[in-house]
Amino acid sequence: MPSSPLVLVTSRSFSSGDLDLAGELEAAGCRIVTGPSTHELDVLRPLLADATAWIAGTGPVSAAHLDAAPGLHLVARYGVGVDAVDLEAAAARGVLVTNTPGANTGAVADHALALVLAALRDVAPGDRGVRAGRWAVQRTRELGTLTVGIVGLGRIGRAVAARLGGFGSTLLGFDPWVPPAELQRLGIEGVELDALAGRSDVISLHAPGEEVVVDEHLLGLVRPHLVLVNTARAALVDEPALAGALRAGRLRCYASDVLGSESGDHANPLLADDLLDRTLFTPHSAAQTVQAVDGMGRGAVDAVLAHLRGDQPPHLVPLPGGRR
């Protein structure tokens, strides 16, 4: 290892909580450079050229990125998902990949519930109305009387279910990787996706991967008063189809922390002015609590420091071919 290893950081919130994690790296003899969380290759190329470790944000980590980093030994993903990391390319180049499971579970689950309640109770339209001098109200419904479908019952989906249990909501769940007996133990009725769509008043998306879940077919099954919440991935939703369904009144509201384009591109069909009262968005901020930022940063820094010491980093992601 070089005497002063370079650590590239592309997470926008790294070391911005209560812990001075950048200071820990510097005290260990590391140099830190920062780059954009969107990972534009032209910007990162000169930074990657000398990097030993990369604390990676949400942008892609592609074969081209790795080719630009001949001395890179570790990609420490700042968060849980590694869908944006080309694991085959990492394995082929001998680059280890880690993540930080559980660090942001509570933060994202809280945010999902916040979006559910804000959408159900018309919080944003109500605020706009009061500021415009309009005090007309639309009668809404209580969460505890509703059926909530959870798509994806990993750590975050289960944390959402636990929170909803306190409200008394009826819980449905779809996750092909979780046995029905386990769902039952969690107080969740396991159902197929189509049945969940047809029976739910609220659907909260927590599925892994990039496969579309909410498509024209599913939108044809949902109730017209449905509130759809997404704190997982924009790719789970066919956004043009959803915009059309909202306009047609086939569901009531889409509340999301993610969009297909997060660069301020108002060409996104869901940002159209006529959908203002049927959509609610936050700026990919679900994991942005002090506790989650510290947890994700702690996990990433522990991985970097362990590797620099010659130890196996915690939370290694299995790579293709059985390599870790």
Protein backbone atom coordinates (compact mmCIF):
# COMPACT_ATOMS: atom_id res chain seq x y z
CA MET A 1 0.00 0.00 0.00
CA PRO A 2 1.23 3.55 -0.60
CA SER A 3 2.49 5.37 2.50
CA SER A 4 -0.29 7.90 2.15
CA PRO A 5 -3.22 6.07 0.56
CA LEU A 6 -5.78 8.16 -1.32
CA VAL A 7 -9.44 7.63 -0.38
CA LEU A 8 -11.99 8.93 -2.86
CA VAL A 9 -15.30 9.93 -1.25
CA THR A 10 -18.37 10.43 -3.42
CA SER A 11 -21.09 10.32 -0.79
CA ARG A 12 -22.64 13.74 -0.36
CA SER A 13 -23.21 13.28 3.39
CA PHE A 14 -20.02 11.52 4.45
CA SER A 15 -18.69 12.73 7.84
CA SER A 16 -21.47 15.32 8.16
CA GLY A 17 -23.06 13.78 11.27
CA ASP A 18 -21.78 13.75 14.84
CA LEU A 19 -18.70 11.60 14.07
CA ASP A 20 -15.54 13.09 12.55
CA LEU A 21 -14.95 10.18 10.21
CA ALA A 22 -12.87 12.19 7.76
CA GLY A 23 -10.62 13.03 10.69
CA GLU A 24 -10.27 9.33 11.51
CA LEU A 25 -9.09 8.58 7.99
CA GLU A 26 -6.64 11.46 8.04
CA ALA A 27 -5.31 10.39 11.45
CA ALA A 28 -4.66 6.97 9.92
CA GLY A 29 -2.49 8.61 7.25
CA CYS A 30 -5.04 8.75 4.43
CA ARG A 31 -5.51 11.56 1.97
CA ILE A 32 -9.15 12.31 1.12
CA VAL A 33 -10.49 13.69 -2.14
CA THR A 34 -14.18 14.22 -2.88
CA GLY A 35 -16.20 13.83 -6.03
CA PRO A 36 -19.86 14.00 -7.11
CA SER A 37 -22.29 11.34 -5.88
CA THR A 38 -23.53 10.97 -9.47
CA HIS A 39 -20.12 9.54 -10.43
CA GLU A 40 -19.60 11.24 -13.79
CA LEU A 41 -16.59 9.44 -15.20
CA ASP A 42 -15.00 12.51 -16.77
CA VAL A 43 -14.96 14.21 -13.37
CA LEU A 44 -13.83 11.16 -11.42
CA ARG A 45 -11.19 9.88 -13.84
CA PRO A 46 -8.29 12.00 -12.50
CA LEU A 47 -9.35 11.26 -8.90
CA LEU A 48 -9.64 7.53 -9.48
CA ALA A 49 -6.20 7.37 -11.08
CA ASP A 50 -4.46 7.42 -7.69
CA ALA A 51 -7.22 6.04 -5.44
CA THR A 52 -6.59 3.08 -3.13
CA ALA A 53 -10.13 2.99 -1.70
CA TRP A 54 -13.43 4.49 -2.80
CA ILE A 55 -16.26 5.35 -0.40
CA ALA A 56 -18.92 5.31 -3.10
CA GLY A 57 -22.18 7.19 -3.26
CA THR A 58 -25.34 6.20 -5.10
CA GLY A 59 -24.01 6.62 -8.63
CA PRO A 60 -22.79 3.80 -10.87
CA VAL A 61 -19.50 2.02 -10.28
CA SER A 62 -18.91 0.59 -13.73
CA ALA A 63 -16.15 -1.34 -15.43
CA ALA A 64 -15.03 1.96 -16.98
CA HIS A 65 -14.72 3.53 -13.53
CA LEU A 66 -12.66 0.59 -12.34
CA ASP A 67 -10.47 0.72 -15.44
CA ALA A 68 -9.68 4.32 -14.53
CA ALA A 69 -8.46 3.19 -11.09
CA PRO A 70 -5.51 0.83 -11.53
CA GLY A 71 -4.52 1.05 -7.85
CA LEU A 72 -8.01 0.63 -6.40
CA HIS A 73 -8.36 -2.18 -3.85
CA LEU A 74 -11.73 -1.49 -2.21
CA VAL A 75 -15.13 0.00 -3.04
CA ALA A 76 -16.86 0.73 0.29
CA ARG A 77 -20.46 1.33 -0.71
CA TYR A 78 -21.95 4.03 1.55
CA GLY A 79 -25.33 2.38 2.10
CA VAL A 80 -26.86 -1.00 1.50
CA GLY A 81 -27.67 -1.42 -2.19
CA VAL A 82 -24.94 -2.57 -4.54
CA ASP A 83 -27.08 -2.75 -7.69
CA ALA A 84 -25.15 0.18 -9.15
CA VAL A 85 -21.81 -1.61 -8.69
CA ASP A 86 -20.57 -3.84 -11.49
CA LEU A 87 -19.66 -6.77 -9.25
CA GLU A 88 -18.36 -8.89 -12.12
CA ALA A 89 -15.98 -6.13 -13.15
CA ALA A 90 -14.85 -5.73 -9.54
CA ALA A 91 -14.21 -9.46 -9.21
CA ALA A 92 -12.27 -9.55 -12.45
CA ARG A 93 -10.00 -6.74 -11.23
CA GLY A 94 -9.56 -8.05 -7.70
CA VAL A 95 -11.43 -5.13 -6.14
CA LEU A 96 -13.26 -5.88 -2.88
CA VAL A 97 -16.76 -4.46 -2.36
CA THR A 98 -18.41 -3.77 1.00
CA ASN A 99 -21.65 -2.16 2.12
CA THR A 100 -23.24 -0.98 5.37
CA PRO A 101 -26.30 -3.17 6.05
CA GLY A 102 -28.69 -1.93 8.70
CA ALA A 103 -27.11 1.50 9.08
CA ASN A 104 -30.03 3.39 7.54
CA THR A 105 -32.88 0.96 8.22
CA GLY A 106 -34.64 3.03 10.87
CA ALA A 107 -34.18 6.29 8.97
CA VAL A 108 -35.70 4.95 5.74
CA ALA A 109 -38.55 3.19 7.56
CA ASP A 110 -39.41 6.42 9.39
CA HIS A 111 -39.33 8.33 6.11
CA ALA A 112 -41.62 5.82 4.41
CA LEU A 113 -44.13 6.26 7.20
CA ALA A 114 -43.81 10.04 6.98
CA LEU A 115 -44.65 9.89 3.26
CA VAL A 116 -47.60 7.57 3.92
CA LEU A 117 -49.09 9.93 6.50
CA ALA A 118 -48.36 13.09 4.51
CA ALA A 119 -50.02 11.62 1.41
CA LEU A 120 -53.01 10.21 3.28
CA ARG A 121 -53.66 13.43 5.18
CA ASP A 122 -53.03 15.86 2.29
CA VAL A 123 -50.30 17.66 4.21
CA ALA A 124 -48.61 19.36 1.24
CA PRO A 125 -51.83 20.44 -0.56
CA GLY A 126 -53.20 21.67 2.77
CA ASP A 127 -50.11 23.78 3.37
CA ARG A 128 -50.33 25.30 -0.12
CA GLY A 129 -54.02 26.02 0.39
CA VAL A 130 -53.54 27.82 3.70
CA ARG A 131 -50.75 29.95 2.25
CA ALA A 132 -53.08 30.93 -0.59
CA GLY A 133 -55.88 31.79 1.82
CA ARG A 134 -57.91 28.65 1.11
CA TRP A 135 -59.17 26.76 4.15
CA ALA A 136 -61.31 24.18 2.36
CA VAL A 137 -60.63 20.66 3.58
CA GLN A 138 -60.82 17.25 1.99
CA ARG A 139 -61.86 14.46 4.31
CA THR A 140 -59.12 11.85 4.67
CA ARG A 141 -58.74 8.43 6.30
CA GLU A 142 -56.95 7.09 9.36
CA LEU A 143 -53.98 4.81 8.78
CA GLY A 144 -55.07 2.33 11.42
CA THR A 145 -58.23 1.47 9.46
CA LEU A 146 -56.37 0.71 6.23
CA THR A 147 -54.72 -2.27 4.57
CA VAL A 148 -51.07 -1.65 3.75
CA GLY A 149 -49.18 -3.79 1.26
CA ILE A 150 -45.40 -4.01 1.65
CA VAL A 151 -43.40 -5.14 -1.37
CA GLY A 152 -40.05 -6.44 -0.17
CA LEU A 153 -39.59 -7.70 3.39
CA GLY A 154 -35.91 -7.17 4.01
CA ARG A 155 -34.63 -5.06 6.89
CA ILE A 156 -36.43 -1.88 5.85
CA GLY A 157 -39.69 -3.54 4.83
CA ARG A 158 -39.81 -5.32 8.20
CA ALA A 159 -39.07 -2.08 10.05
CA VAL A 160 -41.95 -0.41 8.20
CA ALA A 161 -44.22 -3.31 9.14
CA ALA A 162 -43.24 -2.96 12.81
CA ARG A 163 -44.09 0.72 12.78
CA LEU A 164 -47.41 0.13 11.04
CA GLY A 165 -48.29 -2.46 13.65
CA GLY A 166 -48.45 0.34 16.17
CA PHE A 167 -51.16 2.03 14.13
CA GLY A 168 -53.21 -1.16 13.87
CA SER A 169 -53.10 -1.37 10.08
CA THR A 170 -53.80 -4.68 8.35
CA LEU A 171 -50.55 -5.80 6.72
CA LEU A 172 -50.06 -7.66 3.46
CA GLY A 173 -46.64 -8.63 2.17
CA PHE A 174 -45.03 -9.86 -1.02
CA ASP A 175 -41.48 -11.19 -1.02
CA PRO A 176 -40.69 -14.43 -2.87
CA TRP A 177 -37.57 -14.92 -0.73
CA VAL A 178 -39.35 -14.89 2.65
CA PRO A 179 -41.23 -18.04 3.72
CA PRO A 180 -44.94 -17.60 4.51
CA ALA A 181 -44.38 -18.82 8.07
CA GLU A 182 -41.85 -16.03 8.62
CA LEU A 183 -44.30 -13.42 7.33
CA GLN A 184 -46.98 -14.80 9.61
CA ARG A 185 -44.61 -14.49 12.57
CA LEU A 186 -44.18 -10.83 11.66
CA GLY A 187 -47.95 -10.27 11.62
CA ILE A 188 -48.06 -10.03 7.83
CA GLU A 189 -50.33 -11.96 5.49
CA GLY A 190 -48.22 -13.21 2.60
CA VAL A 191 -49.93 -12.79 -0.79
CA GLU A 192 -49.01 -12.69 -4.45
CA LEU A 193 -48.26 -9.30 -5.96
CA ASP A 194 -51.50 -9.03 -7.94
CA ALA A 195 -53.57 -9.79 -4.84
CA LEU A 196 -51.62 -7.25 -2.83
CA ALA A 197 -52.30 -4.60 -5.48
CA GLY A 198 -56.02 -5.28 -5.51
CA ARG A 199 -56.51 -5.36 -1.75
CA SER A 200 -54.25 -2.54 -0.50
CA ASP A 201 -55.16 1.02 0.39
CA VAL A 202 -51.46 1.87 0.67
CA ILE A 203 -48.50 0.16 -1.00
CA SER A 204 -44.93 0.76 0.18
CA LEU A 205 -42.07 -0.37 -2.08
CA HIS A 206 -38.93 -1.87 -0.54
CA ALA A 207 -37.90 -4.42 -3.17
CA PRO A 208 -34.26 -4.89 -4.16
CA GLY A 209 -32.98 -4.82 -7.72
CA GLU A 210 -33.91 -2.79 -10.76
CA GLU A 211 -36.83 -4.82 -12.12
CA VAL A 212 -40.04 -2.85 -12.69
CA VAL A 213 -42.72 -3.75 -10.14
CA VAL A 214 -45.35 -1.09 -10.77
CA ASP A 215 -46.27 -1.38 -14.45
CA GLU A 216 -49.40 -1.00 -16.56
CA HIS A 217 -50.63 -4.41 -15.47
CA LEU A 218 -50.33 -3.68 -11.76
CA LEU A 219 -51.78 -0.19 -12.15
CA GLY A 220 -54.84 -1.79 -13.70
CA LEU A 221 -55.45 -3.73 -10.48
CA VAL A 222 -55.14 -1.04 -7.82
CA ARG A 223 -57.91 0.81 -6.02
CA PRO A 224 -58.61 4.42 -7.11
CA HIS A 225 -57.88 5.70 -3.59
CA LEU A 226 -54.47 3.95 -3.43
CA VAL A 227 -51.46 5.78 -2.01
CA LEU A 228 -48.22 4.40 -3.50
CA VAL A 229 -44.98 5.10 -1.62
CA ASN A 230 -41.44 4.50 -2.88
CA THR A 231 -38.37 4.91 -0.69
CA ALA A 232 -36.41 2.22 -2.55
CA ARG A 233 -35.56 2.72 -6.23
CA ALA A 234 -37.01 4.76 -9.06
CA ALA A 235 -36.55 1.78 -11.40
CA LEU A 236 -39.27 -0.14 -9.55
CA VAL A 237 -41.87 2.13 -11.15
CA ASP A 238 -42.79 2.68 -14.80
CA GLU A 239 -42.93 6.46 -14.40
CA PRO A 240 -44.74 7.37 -17.67
CA ALA A 241 -47.36 4.68 -17.00
CA LEU A 242 -47.79 5.91 -13.44
CA ALA A 243 -48.23 9.52 -14.59
CA GLY A 244 -50.98 8.39 -16.95
CA ALA A 245 -52.68 6.38 -14.22
CA LEU A 246 -52.62 9.36 -11.85
CA ARG A 247 -54.19 11.60 -14.49
CA ALA A 248 -56.87 8.99 -15.14
CA GLY A 249 -57.70 8.79 -11.42
CA ARG A 250 -56.66 5.13 -11.18
CA LEU A 251 -54.84 5.89 -7.93
CA ARG A 252 -54.87 8.82 -5.52
CA CYS A 253 -51.24 9.72 -4.84
CA TYR A 254 -47.63 8.77 -5.50
CA ALA A 255 -45.21 9.75 -2.72
CA SER A 256 -41.56 9.07 -3.44
CA ASP A 257 -38.03 9.77 -2.29
CA VAL A 258 -36.60 8.74 -5.66
CA LEU A 259 -37.05 9.75 -9.29
CA GLY A 260 -35.67 8.37 -12.53
CA SER A 261 -33.74 11.61 -12.95
CA GLU A 262 -32.46 13.30 -9.80
CA SER A 263 -30.64 16.15 -11.52
CA GLY A 264 -33.51 18.64 -11.43
CA ASP A 265 -34.79 17.53 -14.83
CA HIS A 266 -38.38 18.74 -14.88
CA ALA A 267 -39.04 16.73 -18.04
CA ASN A 268 -39.84 13.81 -15.75
CA PRO A 269 -43.54 13.03 -16.40
CA LEU A 270 -44.32 12.82 -12.70
CA LEU A 271 -43.22 16.43 -12.16
CA ALA A 272 -45.88 17.84 -14.49
CA ASP A 273 -47.81 20.77 -13.01
CA ASP A 274 -51.18 19.05 -13.38
CA LEU A 275 -49.97 16.25 -11.05
CA LEU A 276 -48.92 18.57 -8.25
CA ASP A 277 -51.75 17.55 -5.92
CA ARG A 278 -51.38 13.85 -6.74
CA THR A 279 -47.64 13.55 -6.13
CA LEU A 280 -45.30 14.21 -3.24
CA PHE A 281 -41.51 14.11 -3.48
CA THR A 282 -38.49 14.39 -1.23
CA PRO A 283 -34.90 14.77 -2.53
CA HIS A 284 -33.56 11.25 -1.92
CA SER A 285 -33.30 12.20 1.74
CA ALA A 286 -34.76 9.13 3.46
CA ALA A 287 -31.39 8.04 4.83
CA GLN A 288 -30.28 11.53 5.78
CA THR A 289 -30.54 11.44 9.54
CA VAL A 290 -27.62 12.08 11.85
CA GLN A 291 -27.79 8.50 13.09
CA ALA A 292 -27.93 6.97 9.61
CA VAL A 293 -25.16 9.19 8.26
CA ASP A 294 -22.94 8.22 11.18
CA GLY A 295 -23.84 4.55 10.77
CA MET A 296 -23.14 4.42 7.04
CA GLY A 297 -19.95 6.43 7.42
CA ARG A 298 -18.78 4.28 10.34
CA GLY A 299 -19.28 1.12 8.31
CA ALA A 300 -17.46 2.49 5.27
CA VAL A 301 -14.52 3.84 7.28
CA ASP A 302 -14.20 0.60 9.25
CA ALA A 303 -13.97 -1.27 5.94
CA VAL A 304 -11.28 1.07 4.58
CA LEU A 305 -9.18 0.99 7.75
CA ALA A 306 -9.47 -2.80 8.09
CA HIS A 307 -8.25 -3.27 4.54
CA LEU A 308 -5.35 -0.86 5.02
CA ARG A 309 -4.31 -2.85 8.11
CA GLY A 310 -4.38 -6.04 6.07
CA ASP A 311 -7.50 -7.39 7.79
CA GLN A 312 -10.66 -8.63 6.13
CA PRO A 313 -13.12 -5.72 5.91
CA PRO A 314 -16.54 -6.18 7.53
CA HIS A 315 -19.63 -6.71 5.37
CA LEU A 316 -17.88 -7.97 2.25
CA VAL A 317 -20.30 -8.35 -0.66
CA PRO A 318 -20.01 -11.78 -2.34
CA LEU A 319 -18.58 -11.39 -5.83
CA PRO A 320 -19.29 -13.57 -8.88
CA GLY A 321 -17.25 -16.73 -8.97
CA GLY A 322 -17.26 -17.03 -5.21
CA ARG A 323 -14.60 -14.35 -4.81
CA ARG A 324 -14.80 -11.96 -1.87
